[in-house]
Every structure is written in C-alpha cells, then in structure tokens.
Amino acid sequence: MSQKRAWQDLPKGAVSYKSSMDYKTGDWGVNAPKIDYDKCIKCNLCHFFCPEGAISVRDDETPEVSLDYCKGCGICAKECPVQCMEMVRK
C-alpha cells in the first residue's frame, strides 16, 4: 500500500502553482497589468486568478502586481469585473 504524501513533500517542479516564485520570470513578458485604483472594488479576483501568484493583496485590500514575477498573460485583466486593469507594454 502506498503512503500519501503532502504536496509540500513533493520534489521541486512537481507543483506548478506559484512555481515561478523560485525564479524571477517577469522579464519574460512584454505586457504588464496597470491598475486604476479609483475603479478597483477590492474584490481581488485578479489575485485569485493569477496563475503565477504575482498579485498580492495589500493591507488595505488593494491588489499589487509584482513585475518580478508577472509574465503579462492578461488573465487578471480579463477576470476583473469592473475592468480596472488594462494590459500595457512594459
């Protein structure tokens, strides 16, 4: 019978979510999200949908994009219900 292992015990590379946190991959992309904080409703869907975990949530509950890790895929901007994010050239 095989033993169950926690995801933390898996070898590096076996877990893809936030895997780029080990490597600064932000310079791979050409675009980056620009946030209009006047429009932002602090729903943080951008944070939840970011496949790289490059969007964190500040203490005031507004999103913050780390350009060190953001590859510019645009998923955050597409998922924003109030369209407060737009993709711009880096």
N, C-alpha and C. Protein backbone atom coordinates (compact mmCIF):
# COMPACT_ATOMS: atom_id res chain seq x y z
N MET A 1 0.84 -1.18 0.00
CA MET A 1 0.00 0.00 0.00
C MET A 1 0.89 1.25 0.00
N SER A 2 0.60 2.19 -0.89
CA SER A 2 1.42 3.40 -0.96
C SER A 2 0.98 4.43 0.08
N GLN A 3 1.97 5.17 0.55
CA GLN A 3 1.70 6.19 1.54
C GLN A 3 1.31 7.49 0.86
N LYS A 4 0.37 8.21 1.48
CA LYS A 4 0.01 9.52 0.97
C LYS A 4 1.09 10.51 1.36
N ARG A 5 1.40 11.43 0.44
CA ARG A 5 2.39 12.46 0.73
C ARG A 5 1.74 13.83 0.63
N ALA A 6 2.15 14.73 1.49
CA ALA A 6 1.66 16.10 1.42
C ALA A 6 2.29 16.78 0.22
N TRP A 7 1.60 17.77 -0.33
CA TRP A 7 2.15 18.45 -1.51
C TRP A 7 3.48 19.11 -1.21
N GLN A 8 3.70 19.51 0.06
CA GLN A 8 4.96 20.15 0.42
C GLN A 8 6.14 19.18 0.31
N ASP A 9 5.87 17.89 0.36
CA ASP A 9 6.92 16.88 0.30
C ASP A 9 7.30 16.50 -1.14
N LEU A 10 6.52 16.97 -2.10
CA LEU A 10 6.81 16.62 -3.49
C LEU A 10 8.09 17.31 -3.96
N PRO A 11 8.80 16.71 -4.89
CA PRO A 11 10.02 17.34 -5.39
C PRO A 11 9.72 18.66 -6.09
N LYS A 12 10.68 19.56 -6.06
CA LYS A 12 10.52 20.87 -6.71
C LYS A 12 10.20 20.66 -8.19
N GLY A 13 9.22 21.42 -8.67
CA GLY A 13 8.80 21.30 -10.06
C GLY A 13 7.55 20.44 -10.21
N ALA A 14 7.22 19.67 -9.19
CA ALA A 14 6.04 18.83 -9.26
C ALA A 14 4.77 19.64 -9.00
N VAL A 15 4.90 20.77 -8.33
CA VAL A 15 3.78 21.64 -8.05
C VAL A 15 3.94 22.88 -8.91
N SER A 16 2.92 23.19 -9.73
CA SER A 16 3.08 24.29 -10.66
C SER A 16 2.59 25.62 -10.12
N TYR A 17 1.59 25.64 -9.22
CA TYR A 17 1.07 26.90 -8.72
C TYR A 17 2.17 27.66 -7.98
N LYS A 18 2.37 28.90 -8.36
CA LYS A 18 3.39 29.77 -7.77
C LYS A 18 4.80 29.23 -7.96
N SER A 19 5.00 28.36 -8.91
CA SER A 19 6.34 27.79 -9.10
C SER A 19 7.34 28.85 -9.53
N SER A 20 6.86 29.93 -10.12
CA SER A 20 7.80 30.96 -10.56
C SER A 20 8.36 31.76 -9.39
N MET A 21 7.84 31.58 -8.19
CA MET A 21 8.35 32.33 -7.05
C MET A 21 9.80 31.96 -6.75
N ASP A 22 10.23 30.80 -7.22
CA ASP A 22 11.63 30.42 -7.04
C ASP A 22 12.53 31.11 -8.06
N TYR A 23 11.94 31.62 -9.14
CA TYR A 23 12.72 32.23 -10.22
C TYR A 23 12.02 33.51 -10.67
N LYS A 24 12.76 34.59 -10.78
CA LYS A 24 12.16 35.83 -11.27
C LYS A 24 11.95 35.70 -12.78
N THR A 25 10.68 35.58 -13.15
CA THR A 25 10.33 35.32 -14.54
C THR A 25 9.62 36.49 -15.20
N GLY A 26 9.48 37.60 -14.50
CA GLY A 26 8.72 38.73 -15.02
C GLY A 26 9.28 39.34 -16.27
N ASP A 27 10.58 39.21 -16.49
CA ASP A 27 11.15 39.81 -17.70
C ASP A 27 10.87 38.99 -18.95
N TRP A 28 10.16 37.87 -18.81
CA TRP A 28 9.79 37.06 -19.98
C TRP A 28 8.68 37.72 -20.77
N GLY A 29 7.81 38.47 -20.10
CA GLY A 29 6.64 39.04 -20.75
C GLY A 29 6.91 40.40 -21.34
N VAL A 30 6.01 40.82 -22.21
CA VAL A 30 6.12 42.14 -22.84
C VAL A 30 5.09 43.10 -22.25
N ASN A 31 4.03 42.55 -21.71
CA ASN A 31 2.94 43.36 -21.15
C ASN A 31 2.88 43.20 -19.63
N ALA A 32 2.22 44.16 -19.00
CA ALA A 32 2.01 44.12 -17.56
C ALA A 32 0.68 44.79 -17.26
N PRO A 33 0.00 44.35 -16.20
CA PRO A 33 -1.27 44.99 -15.86
C PRO A 33 -1.04 46.35 -15.20
N LYS A 34 -1.86 47.31 -15.60
CA LYS A 34 -1.87 48.62 -14.96
C LYS A 34 -3.21 48.73 -14.25
N ILE A 35 -3.18 49.07 -12.97
CA ILE A 35 -4.41 49.09 -12.16
C ILE A 35 -4.87 50.53 -11.96
N ASP A 36 -6.15 50.78 -12.23
CA ASP A 36 -6.78 52.06 -11.92
C ASP A 36 -7.44 51.89 -10.55
N TYR A 37 -6.75 52.35 -9.52
CA TYR A 37 -7.23 52.15 -8.16
C TYR A 37 -8.51 52.92 -7.85
N ASP A 38 -8.85 53.93 -8.65
CA ASP A 38 -10.12 54.65 -8.46
C ASP A 38 -11.31 53.77 -8.85
N LYS A 39 -11.10 52.87 -9.79
CA LYS A 39 -12.16 51.96 -10.23
C LYS A 39 -12.19 50.65 -9.43
N CYS A 40 -11.08 50.27 -8.83
CA CYS A 40 -10.94 48.97 -8.15
C CYS A 40 -11.93 48.85 -7.00
N ILE A 41 -12.66 47.73 -6.95
CA ILE A 41 -13.64 47.48 -5.88
C ILE A 41 -13.08 46.50 -4.83
N LYS A 42 -11.82 46.19 -4.92
CA LYS A 42 -11.12 45.33 -3.95
C LYS A 42 -11.72 43.93 -3.86
N CYS A 43 -12.19 43.41 -4.98
CA CYS A 43 -12.74 42.05 -4.99
C CYS A 43 -11.62 41.02 -4.98
N ASN A 44 -10.44 41.41 -5.47
CA ASN A 44 -9.24 40.58 -5.51
C ASN A 44 -9.37 39.32 -6.35
N LEU A 45 -10.27 39.34 -7.32
CA LEU A 45 -10.36 38.23 -8.26
C LEU A 45 -9.07 38.11 -9.06
N CYS A 46 -8.42 39.24 -9.31
CA CYS A 46 -7.14 39.21 -10.03
C CYS A 46 -6.12 38.37 -9.26
N HIS A 47 -6.10 38.52 -7.97
CA HIS A 47 -5.19 37.75 -7.11
C HIS A 47 -5.51 36.25 -7.21
N PHE A 48 -6.78 35.91 -7.14
CA PHE A 48 -7.17 34.50 -7.17
C PHE A 48 -6.92 33.84 -8.51
N PHE A 49 -7.09 34.58 -9.60
CA PHE A 49 -6.94 34.00 -10.93
C PHE A 49 -5.53 34.03 -11.48
N CYS A 50 -4.63 34.80 -10.87
CA CYS A 50 -3.26 34.89 -11.38
C CYS A 50 -2.58 33.53 -11.27
N PRO A 51 -2.21 32.92 -12.41
CA PRO A 51 -1.62 31.58 -12.37
C PRO A 51 -0.22 31.55 -11.77
N GLU A 52 0.44 32.69 -11.68
CA GLU A 52 1.80 32.74 -11.15
C GLU A 52 1.85 33.24 -9.72
N GLY A 53 0.73 33.68 -9.17
CA GLY A 53 0.74 34.22 -7.82
C GLY A 53 1.50 35.54 -7.76
N ALA A 54 1.54 36.27 -8.86
CA ALA A 54 2.29 37.52 -8.94
C ALA A 54 1.51 38.71 -8.38
N ILE A 55 0.25 38.50 -8.04
CA ILE A 55 -0.56 39.58 -7.48
C ILE A 55 -0.81 39.28 -6.02
N SER A 56 -0.39 40.20 -5.17
CA SER A 56 -0.63 40.06 -3.73
C SER A 56 -1.69 41.08 -3.32
N VAL A 57 -2.15 40.94 -2.09
CA VAL A 57 -3.17 41.84 -1.57
C VAL A 57 -2.55 42.65 -0.43
N ARG A 58 -2.61 43.95 -0.56
CA ARG A 58 -2.06 44.85 0.46
C ARG A 58 -2.95 44.85 1.70
N ASP A 59 -2.47 45.49 2.75
CA ASP A 59 -3.25 45.59 4.00
C ASP A 59 -4.58 46.31 3.79
N ASP A 60 -4.62 47.26 2.84
CA ASP A 60 -5.88 47.97 2.57
C ASP A 60 -6.76 47.22 1.58
N GLU A 61 -6.39 45.97 1.28
CA GLU A 61 -7.13 45.04 0.41
C GLU A 61 -7.07 45.39 -1.07
N THR A 62 -6.17 46.26 -1.48
CA THR A 62 -5.98 46.54 -2.90
C THR A 62 -4.93 45.60 -3.45
N PRO A 63 -5.04 45.24 -4.72
CA PRO A 63 -4.06 44.34 -5.33
C PRO A 63 -2.76 45.06 -5.67
N GLU A 64 -1.68 44.30 -5.64
CA GLU A 64 -0.37 44.83 -6.03
C GLU A 64 0.32 43.79 -6.90
N VAL A 65 0.78 44.21 -8.06
CA VAL A 65 1.41 43.30 -9.01
C VAL A 65 2.92 43.34 -8.83
N SER A 66 3.53 42.17 -8.73
CA SER A 66 4.98 42.08 -8.69
C SER A 66 5.48 41.86 -10.11
N LEU A 67 6.14 42.88 -10.66
CA LEU A 67 6.65 42.76 -12.02
C LEU A 67 7.85 41.83 -12.10
N ASP A 68 8.40 41.44 -10.94
CA ASP A 68 9.47 40.44 -10.93
C ASP A 68 8.95 39.08 -11.38
N TYR A 69 7.65 38.82 -11.17
CA TYR A 69 7.09 37.51 -11.46
C TYR A 69 5.97 37.50 -12.49
N CYS A 70 5.35 38.65 -12.76
CA CYS A 70 4.25 38.72 -13.72
C CYS A 70 4.78 38.51 -15.13
N LYS A 71 4.17 37.57 -15.85
CA LYS A 71 4.58 37.28 -17.23
C LYS A 71 3.70 38.00 -18.25
N GLY A 72 2.69 38.74 -17.76
CA GLY A 72 1.86 39.53 -18.67
C GLY A 72 0.82 38.73 -19.43
N CYS A 73 0.31 37.67 -18.85
CA CYS A 73 -0.66 36.82 -19.56
C CYS A 73 -2.01 37.50 -19.76
N GLY A 74 -2.37 38.45 -18.89
CA GLY A 74 -3.62 39.19 -19.04
C GLY A 74 -4.84 38.55 -18.41
N ILE A 75 -4.68 37.43 -17.76
CA ILE A 75 -5.84 36.77 -17.14
C ILE A 75 -6.46 37.68 -16.08
N CYS A 76 -5.64 38.36 -15.31
CA CYS A 76 -6.14 39.25 -14.26
C CYS A 76 -7.06 40.32 -14.85
N ALA A 77 -6.64 40.93 -15.94
CA ALA A 77 -7.43 41.99 -16.58
C ALA A 77 -8.73 41.44 -17.15
N LYS A 78 -8.69 40.23 -17.68
CA LYS A 78 -9.90 39.62 -18.25
C LYS A 78 -10.90 39.24 -17.17
N GLU A 79 -10.43 38.87 -16.00
CA GLU A 79 -11.31 38.44 -14.91
C GLU A 79 -11.84 39.60 -14.07
N CYS A 80 -11.29 40.78 -14.22
CA CYS A 80 -11.72 41.94 -13.41
C CYS A 80 -13.15 42.34 -13.78
N PRO A 81 -14.08 42.29 -12.82
CA PRO A 81 -15.48 42.58 -13.14
C PRO A 81 -15.74 44.05 -13.45
N VAL A 82 -14.87 44.97 -13.01
CA VAL A 82 -15.08 46.39 -13.27
C VAL A 82 -14.07 46.96 -14.25
N GLN A 83 -13.25 46.09 -14.81
CA GLN A 83 -12.24 46.46 -15.81
C GLN A 83 -11.35 47.61 -15.33
N CYS A 84 -10.84 47.45 -14.10
CA CYS A 84 -9.93 48.46 -13.58
C CYS A 84 -8.48 48.14 -13.94
N MET A 85 -8.27 47.02 -14.65
CA MET A 85 -6.93 46.64 -15.07
C MET A 85 -6.87 46.64 -16.58
N GLU A 86 -5.77 47.15 -17.10
CA GLU A 86 -5.52 47.05 -18.53
C GLU A 86 -4.09 46.61 -18.74
N MET A 87 -3.87 45.88 -19.80
CA MET A 87 -2.54 45.40 -20.10
C MET A 87 -1.80 46.45 -20.93
N VAL A 88 -0.62 46.83 -20.46
CA VAL A 88 0.20 47.83 -21.16
C VAL A 88 1.58 47.26 -21.40
N ARG A 89 2.29 47.82 -22.37
CA ARG A 89 3.67 47.38 -22.65
C ARG A 89 4.56 47.75 -21.48
N LYS A 90 5.48 46.85 -21.15
CA LYS A 90 6.42 47.13 -20.06
C LYS A 90 7.43 48.18 -20.49
